[in-house]
């Protein structure tokens, strides 16, 4: 996506790799602005946390 008043474009990439550090370093080296990155373990932890919060909401 992009905003009409800038030349910036927002891109979402889904990369099939367990180690994103090299890819992220390449983006940083070329001065790309990386908004967020999620590794598989972080993603799983987030899902578990959200599930647990949902279960507490359903069963107070």
PDB file of N, CA and C in Angstrom:
ATOM      1  N   UNK A   1       0.840  -1.182   0.000  1.00  0.00           N
ATOM      2  CA  UNK A   1       0.000   0.000   0.000  1.00  0.00           C
ATOM      3  C   UNK A   1       0.877   1.235   0.000  1.00  0.00           C
ATOM      4  N   UNK A   2       0.307   2.336  -0.378  1.00  0.00           N
ATOM      5  CA  UNK A   2       1.051   3.585  -0.352  1.00  0.00           C
ATOM      6  C   UNK A   2       0.091   4.724  -0.052  1.00  0.00           C
ATOM      7  N   UNK A   3       0.658   5.815   0.396  1.00  0.00           N
ATOM      8  CA  UNK A   3      -0.148   7.002   0.630  1.00  0.00           C
ATOM      9  C   UNK A   3       0.063   7.952  -0.534  1.00  0.00           C
ATOM     10  N   UNK A   4      -0.970   8.674  -0.924  1.00  0.00           N
ATOM     11  CA  UNK A   4      -0.858   9.526  -2.116  1.00  0.00           C
ATOM     12  C   UNK A   4       0.145  10.671  -1.987  1.00  0.00           C
ATOM     13  N   UNK A   5       0.414  11.131  -0.770  1.00  0.00           N
ATOM     14  CA  UNK A   5       1.276  12.302  -0.608  1.00  0.00           C
ATOM     15  C   UNK A   5       2.757  11.963  -0.415  1.00  0.00           C
ATOM     16  N   UNK A   6       3.127  10.686  -0.470  1.00  0.00           N
ATOM     17  CA  UNK A   6       4.540  10.315  -0.335  1.00  0.00           C
ATOM     18  C   UNK A   6       4.935   9.351  -1.441  1.00  0.00           C
ATOM     19  N   UNK A   7       6.216   9.109  -1.515  1.00  0.00           N
ATOM     20  CA  UNK A   7       6.728   8.141  -2.477  1.00  0.00           C
ATOM     21  C   UNK A   7       7.022   6.802  -1.805  1.00  0.00           C
ATOM     22  N   UNK A   8       6.575   6.649  -0.571  1.00  0.00           N
ATOM     23  CA  UNK A   8       6.816   5.414   0.166  1.00  0.00           C
ATOM     24  C   UNK A   8       5.756   4.373  -0.157  1.00  0.00           C
ATOM     25  N   UNK A   9       6.186   3.134  -0.161  1.00  0.00           N
ATOM     26  CA  UNK A   9       5.292   2.004  -0.392  1.00  0.00           C
ATOM     27  C   UNK A   9       5.454   1.037   0.774  1.00  0.00           C
ATOM     28  N   UNK A  10       4.342   0.553   1.289  1.00  0.00           N
ATOM     29  CA  UNK A  10       4.382  -0.435   2.363  1.00  0.00           C
ATOM     30  C   UNK A  10       4.203  -1.818   1.750  1.00  0.00           C
ATOM     31  N   UNK A  11       5.157  -2.702   2.050  1.00  0.00           N
ATOM     32  CA  UNK A  11       5.165  -4.042   1.466  1.00  0.00           C
ATOM     33  C   UNK A  11       5.164  -5.067   2.591  1.00  0.00           C
ATOM     34  N   UNK A  12       4.367  -6.113   2.436  1.00  0.00           N
ATOM     35  CA  UNK A  12       4.356  -7.220   3.385  1.00  0.00           C
ATOM     36  C   UNK A  12       4.966  -8.435   2.710  1.00  0.00           C
ATOM     37  N   UNK A  13       5.968  -9.017   3.359  1.00  0.00           N
ATOM     38  CA  UNK A  13       6.635 -10.195   2.813  1.00  0.00           C
ATOM     39  C   UNK A  13       6.437 -11.376   3.751  1.00  0.00           C
ATOM     40  N   UNK A  14       6.129 -12.509   3.194  1.00  0.00           N
ATOM     41  CA  UNK A  14       6.084 -13.749   3.964  1.00  0.00           C
ATOM     42  C   UNK A  14       7.217 -14.613   3.432  1.00  0.00           C
ATOM     43  N   UNK A  15       8.183 -14.884   4.287  1.00  0.00           N
ATOM     44  CA  UNK A  15       9.401 -15.563   3.863  1.00  0.00           C
ATOM     45  C   UNK A  15       9.481 -16.917   4.557  1.00  0.00           C
ATOM     46  N   UNK A  16       9.728 -17.950   3.783  1.00  0.00           N
ATOM     47  CA  UNK A  16       9.821 -19.304   4.313  1.00  0.00           C
ATOM     48  C   UNK A  16      11.265 -19.579   4.725  1.00  0.00           C
ATOM     49  N   UNK A  17      11.626 -19.059   5.887  1.00  0.00           N
ATOM     50  CA  UNK A  17      12.975 -19.237   6.407  1.00  0.00           C
ATOM     51  C   UNK A  17      12.920 -19.147   7.920  1.00  0.00           C
ATOM     52  N   UNK A  18      13.697 -19.991   8.592  1.00  0.00           N
ATOM     53  CA  UNK A  18      13.701 -19.951  10.050  1.00  0.00           C
ATOM     54  C   UNK A  18      14.586 -18.838  10.589  1.00  0.00           C
ATOM     55  N   UNK A  19      15.615 -18.479   9.859  1.00  0.00           N
ATOM     56  CA  UNK A  19      16.538 -17.443  10.318  1.00  0.00           C
ATOM     57  C   UNK A  19      16.386 -16.207   9.437  1.00  0.00           C
ATOM     58  N   UNK A  20      15.761 -15.180   9.986  1.00  0.00           N
ATOM     59  CA  UNK A  20      15.531 -13.951   9.227  1.00  0.00           C
ATOM     60  C   UNK A  20      16.637 -12.915   9.419  1.00  0.00           C
ATOM     61  N   UNK A  21      17.596 -13.200  10.255  1.00  0.00           N
ATOM     62  CA  UNK A  21      18.592 -12.181  10.592  1.00  0.00           C
ATOM     63  C   UNK A  21      19.366 -11.687   9.368  1.00  0.00           C
ATOM     64  N   UNK A  22      19.755 -12.573   8.468  1.00  0.00           N
ATOM     65  CA  UNK A  22      20.497 -12.142   7.271  1.00  0.00           C
ATOM     66  C   UNK A  22      19.628 -11.282   6.363  1.00  0.00           C
ATOM     67  N   UNK A  23      18.380 -11.682   6.216  1.00  0.00           N
ATOM     68  CA  UNK A  23      17.464 -10.925   5.361  1.00  0.00           C
ATOM     69  C   UNK A  23      17.219  -9.544   5.952  1.00  0.00           C
ATOM     70  N   UNK A  24      16.993  -9.488   7.256  1.00  0.00           N
ATOM     71  CA  UNK A  24      16.769  -8.200   7.916  1.00  0.00           C
ATOM     72  C   UNK A  24      17.994  -7.302   7.806  1.00  0.00           C
ATOM     73  N   UNK A  25      19.179  -7.873   7.985  1.00  0.00           N
ATOM     74  CA  UNK A  25      20.403  -7.079   7.874  1.00  0.00           C
ATOM     75  C   UNK A  25      20.559  -6.489   6.477  1.00  0.00           C
ATOM     76  N   UNK A  26      20.143  -7.211   5.460  1.00  0.00           N
ATOM     77  CA  UNK A  26      20.206  -6.689   4.093  1.00  0.00           C
ATOM     78  C   UNK A  26      19.279  -5.495   3.931  1.00  0.00           C
ATOM     79  N   UNK A  27      18.074  -5.599   4.462  1.00  0.00           N
ATOM     80  CA  UNK A  27      17.152  -4.465   4.399  1.00  0.00           C
ATOM     81  C   UNK A  27      17.729  -3.254   5.128  1.00  0.00           C
ATOM     82  N   UNK A  28      18.296  -3.476   6.307  1.00  0.00           N
ATOM     83  CA  UNK A  28      18.879  -2.366   7.068  1.00  0.00           C
ATOM     84  C   UNK A  28      20.066  -1.751   6.325  1.00  0.00           C
ATOM     85  N   UNK A  29      20.882  -2.599   5.698  1.00  0.00           N
ATOM     86  CA  UNK A  29      22.056  -2.111   4.971  1.00  0.00           C
ATOM     87  C   UNK A  29      21.655  -1.165   3.841  1.00  0.00           C
ATOM     88  N   UNK A  30      20.525  -1.432   3.203  1.00  0.00           N
ATOM     89  CA  UNK A  30      20.054  -0.581   2.116  1.00  0.00           C
ATOM     90  C   UNK A  30      19.042   0.463   2.584  1.00  0.00           C
ATOM     91  N   UNK A  31      19.021   0.702   3.896  1.00  0.00           N
ATOM     92  CA  UNK A  31      18.198   1.749   4.519  1.00  0.00           C
ATOM     93  C   UNK A  31      16.697   1.584   4.304  1.00  0.00           C
ATOM     94  N   UNK A  32      16.240   0.353   4.275  1.00  0.00           N
ATOM     95  CA  UNK A  32      14.802   0.106   4.246  1.00  0.00           C
ATOM     96  C   UNK A  32      14.267   0.209   5.670  1.00  0.00           C
ATOM     97  N   UNK A  33      13.073   0.721   5.807  1.00  0.00           N
ATOM     98  CA  UNK A  33      12.435   0.830   7.112  1.00  0.00           C
ATOM     99  C   UNK A  33      11.626  -0.442   7.365  1.00  0.00           C
ATOM    100  N   UNK A  34      12.099  -1.277   8.276  1.00  0.00           N
ATOM    101  CA  UNK A  34      11.401  -2.517   8.619  1.00  0.00           C
ATOM    102  C   UNK A  34      10.498  -2.217   9.804  1.00  0.00           C
ATOM    103  N   UNK A  35       9.193  -2.285   9.576  1.00  0.00           N
ATOM    104  CA  UNK A  35       8.230  -1.976  10.635  1.00  0.00           C
ATOM    105  C   UNK A  35       8.143  -3.088  11.665  1.00  0.00           C
ATOM    106  N   UNK A  36       8.149  -4.333  11.214  1.00  0.00           N
ATOM    107  CA  UNK A  36       8.029  -5.463  12.135  1.00  0.00           C
ATOM    108  C   UNK A  36       8.537  -6.725  11.461  1.00  0.00           C
ATOM    109  N   UNK A  37       8.988  -7.648  12.285  1.00  0.00           N
ATOM    110  CA  UNK A  37       9.352  -8.974  11.794  1.00  0.00           C
ATOM    111  C   UNK A  37       8.959  -9.980  12.864  1.00  0.00           C
ATOM    112  N   UNK A  38       8.487 -11.109  12.432  1.00  0.00           N
ATOM    113  CA  UNK A  38       8.025 -12.138  13.355  1.00  0.00           C
ATOM    114  C   UNK A  38       8.667 -13.461  12.979  1.00  0.00           C
ATOM    115  N   UNK A  39       9.340 -14.031  13.938  1.00  0.00           N
ATOM    116  CA  UNK A  39       9.919 -15.351  13.751  1.00  0.00           C
ATOM    117  C   UNK A  39       8.893 -16.375  14.209  1.00  0.00           C
ATOM    118  N   UNK A  40       9.026 -17.588  13.772  1.00  0.00           N
ATOM    119  CA  UNK A  40       8.033 -18.622  14.066  1.00  0.00           C
ATOM    120  C   UNK A  40       7.787 -18.752  15.565  1.00  0.00           C
ATOM    121  N   UNK A  41       8.824 -18.775  16.372  1.00  0.00           N
ATOM    122  CA  UNK A  41       8.633 -18.941  17.813  1.00  0.00           C
ATOM    123  C   UNK A  41       7.867 -17.759  18.403  1.00  0.00           C
ATOM    124  N   UNK A  42       8.142 -16.549  17.942  1.00  0.00           N
ATOM    125  CA  UNK A  42       7.404 -15.383  18.421  1.00  0.00           C
ATOM    126  C   UNK A  42       5.944 -15.487  18.018  1.00  0.00           C
ATOM    127  N   UNK A  43       5.701 -15.928  16.812  1.00  0.00           N
ATOM    128  CA  UNK A  43       4.340 -16.070  16.311  1.00  0.00           C
ATOM    129  C   UNK A  43       3.572 -17.092  17.145  1.00  0.00           C
ATOM    130  N   UNK A  44       4.195 -18.223  17.421  1.00  0.00           N
ATOM    131  CA  UNK A  44       3.542 -19.252  18.227  1.00  0.00           C
ATOM    132  C   UNK A  44       3.279 -18.754  19.641  1.00  0.00           C
ATOM    133  N   UNK A  45       4.229 -18.042  20.218  1.00  0.00           N
ATOM    134  CA  UNK A  45       4.033 -17.491  21.560  1.00  0.00           C
ATOM    135  C   UNK A  45       2.878 -16.504  21.581  1.00  0.00           C
ATOM    136  N   UNK A  46       2.794 -15.660  20.572  1.00  0.00           N
ATOM    137  CA  UNK A  46       1.686 -14.704  20.485  1.00  0.00           C
ATOM    138  C   UNK A  46       0.348 -15.421  20.372  1.00  0.00           C
ATOM    139  N   UNK A  47       0.294 -16.462  19.558  1.00  0.00           N
ATOM    140  CA  UNK A  47      -0.949 -17.219  19.416  1.00  0.00           C
ATOM    141  C   UNK A  47      -1.350 -17.878  20.728  1.00  0.00           C
ATOM    142  N   UNK A  48      -0.394 -18.445  21.428  1.00  0.00           N
ATOM    143  CA  UNK A  48      -0.685 -19.077  22.719  1.00  0.00           C
ATOM    144  C   UNK A  48      -1.194 -18.049  23.719  1.00  0.00           C
ATOM    145  N   UNK A  49      -0.548 -16.894  23.766  1.00  0.00           N
ATOM    146  CA  UNK A  49      -0.984 -15.838  24.682  1.00  0.00           C
ATOM    147  C   UNK A  49      -2.397 -15.374  24.362  1.00  0.00           C
ATOM    148  N   UNK A  50      -2.681 -15.176  23.106  1.00  0.00           N
ATOM    149  CA  UNK A  50      -4.025 -14.741  22.703  1.00  0.00           C
ATOM    150  C   UNK A  50      -5.066 -15.802  23.025  1.00  0.00           C
ATOM    151  N   UNK A  51      -4.730 -17.059  22.800  1.00  0.00           N
ATOM    152  CA  UNK A  51      -5.654 -18.141  23.118  1.00  0.00           C
ATOM    153  C   UNK A  51      -5.936 -18.175  24.616  1.00  0.00           C
ATOM    154  N   UNK A  52      -4.893 -18.074  25.417  1.00  0.00           N
ATOM    155  CA  UNK A  52      -5.075 -18.093  26.871  1.00  0.00           C
ATOM    156  C   UNK A  52      -5.915 -16.916  27.349  1.00  0.00           C
ATOM    157  N   UNK A  53      -5.688 -15.750  26.794  1.00  0.00           N
ATOM    158  CA  UNK A  53      -6.509 -14.585  27.147  1.00  0.00           C
ATOM    159  C   UNK A  53      -7.961 -14.799  26.744  1.00  0.00           C
ATOM    160  N   UNK A  54      -8.186 -15.378  25.586  1.00  0.00           N
ATOM    161  CA  UNK A  54      -9.539 -15.658  25.119  1.00  0.00           C
ATOM    162  C   UNK A  54     -10.228 -16.659  26.043  1.00  0.00           C
ATOM    163  N   UNK A  55      -9.504 -17.694  26.456  1.00  0.00           N
ATOM    164  CA  UNK A  55     -10.084 -18.692  27.357  1.00  0.00           C
ATOM    165  C   UNK A  55     -10.427 -18.076  28.709  1.00  0.00           C
ATOM    166  N   UNK A  56      -9.611 -17.164  29.200  1.00  0.00           N
ATOM    167  CA  UNK A  56      -9.925 -16.472  30.463  1.00  0.00           C
ATOM    168  C   UNK A  56     -11.142 -15.576  30.299  1.00  0.00           C
ATOM    169  N   UNK A  57     -11.303 -15.011  29.120  1.00  0.00           N
ATOM    170  CA  UNK A  57     -12.460 -14.168  28.843  1.00  0.00           C
ATOM    171  C   UNK A  57     -13.738 -15.004  28.821  1.00  0.00           C
ATOM    172  N   UNK A  58     -13.671 -16.177  28.211  1.00  0.00           N
ATOM    173  CA  UNK A  58     -14.847 -17.049  28.118  1.00  0.00           C
ATOM    174  C   UNK A  58     -15.185 -17.674  29.470  1.00  0.00           C
ATOM    175  N   UNK A  59     -14.175 -18.097  30.195  1.00  0.00           N
ATOM    176  CA  UNK A  59     -14.364 -18.761  31.495  1.00  0.00           C
ATOM    177  C   UNK A  59     -13.761 -17.915  32.607  1.00  0.00           C
ATOM    178  N   UNK A  60     -14.495 -16.912  33.064  1.00  0.00           N
ATOM    179  CA  UNK A  60     -13.923 -16.019  34.099  1.00  0.00           C
ATOM    180  C   UNK A  60     -13.677 -16.706  35.423  1.00  0.00           C
TER     181      UNK A  60
END
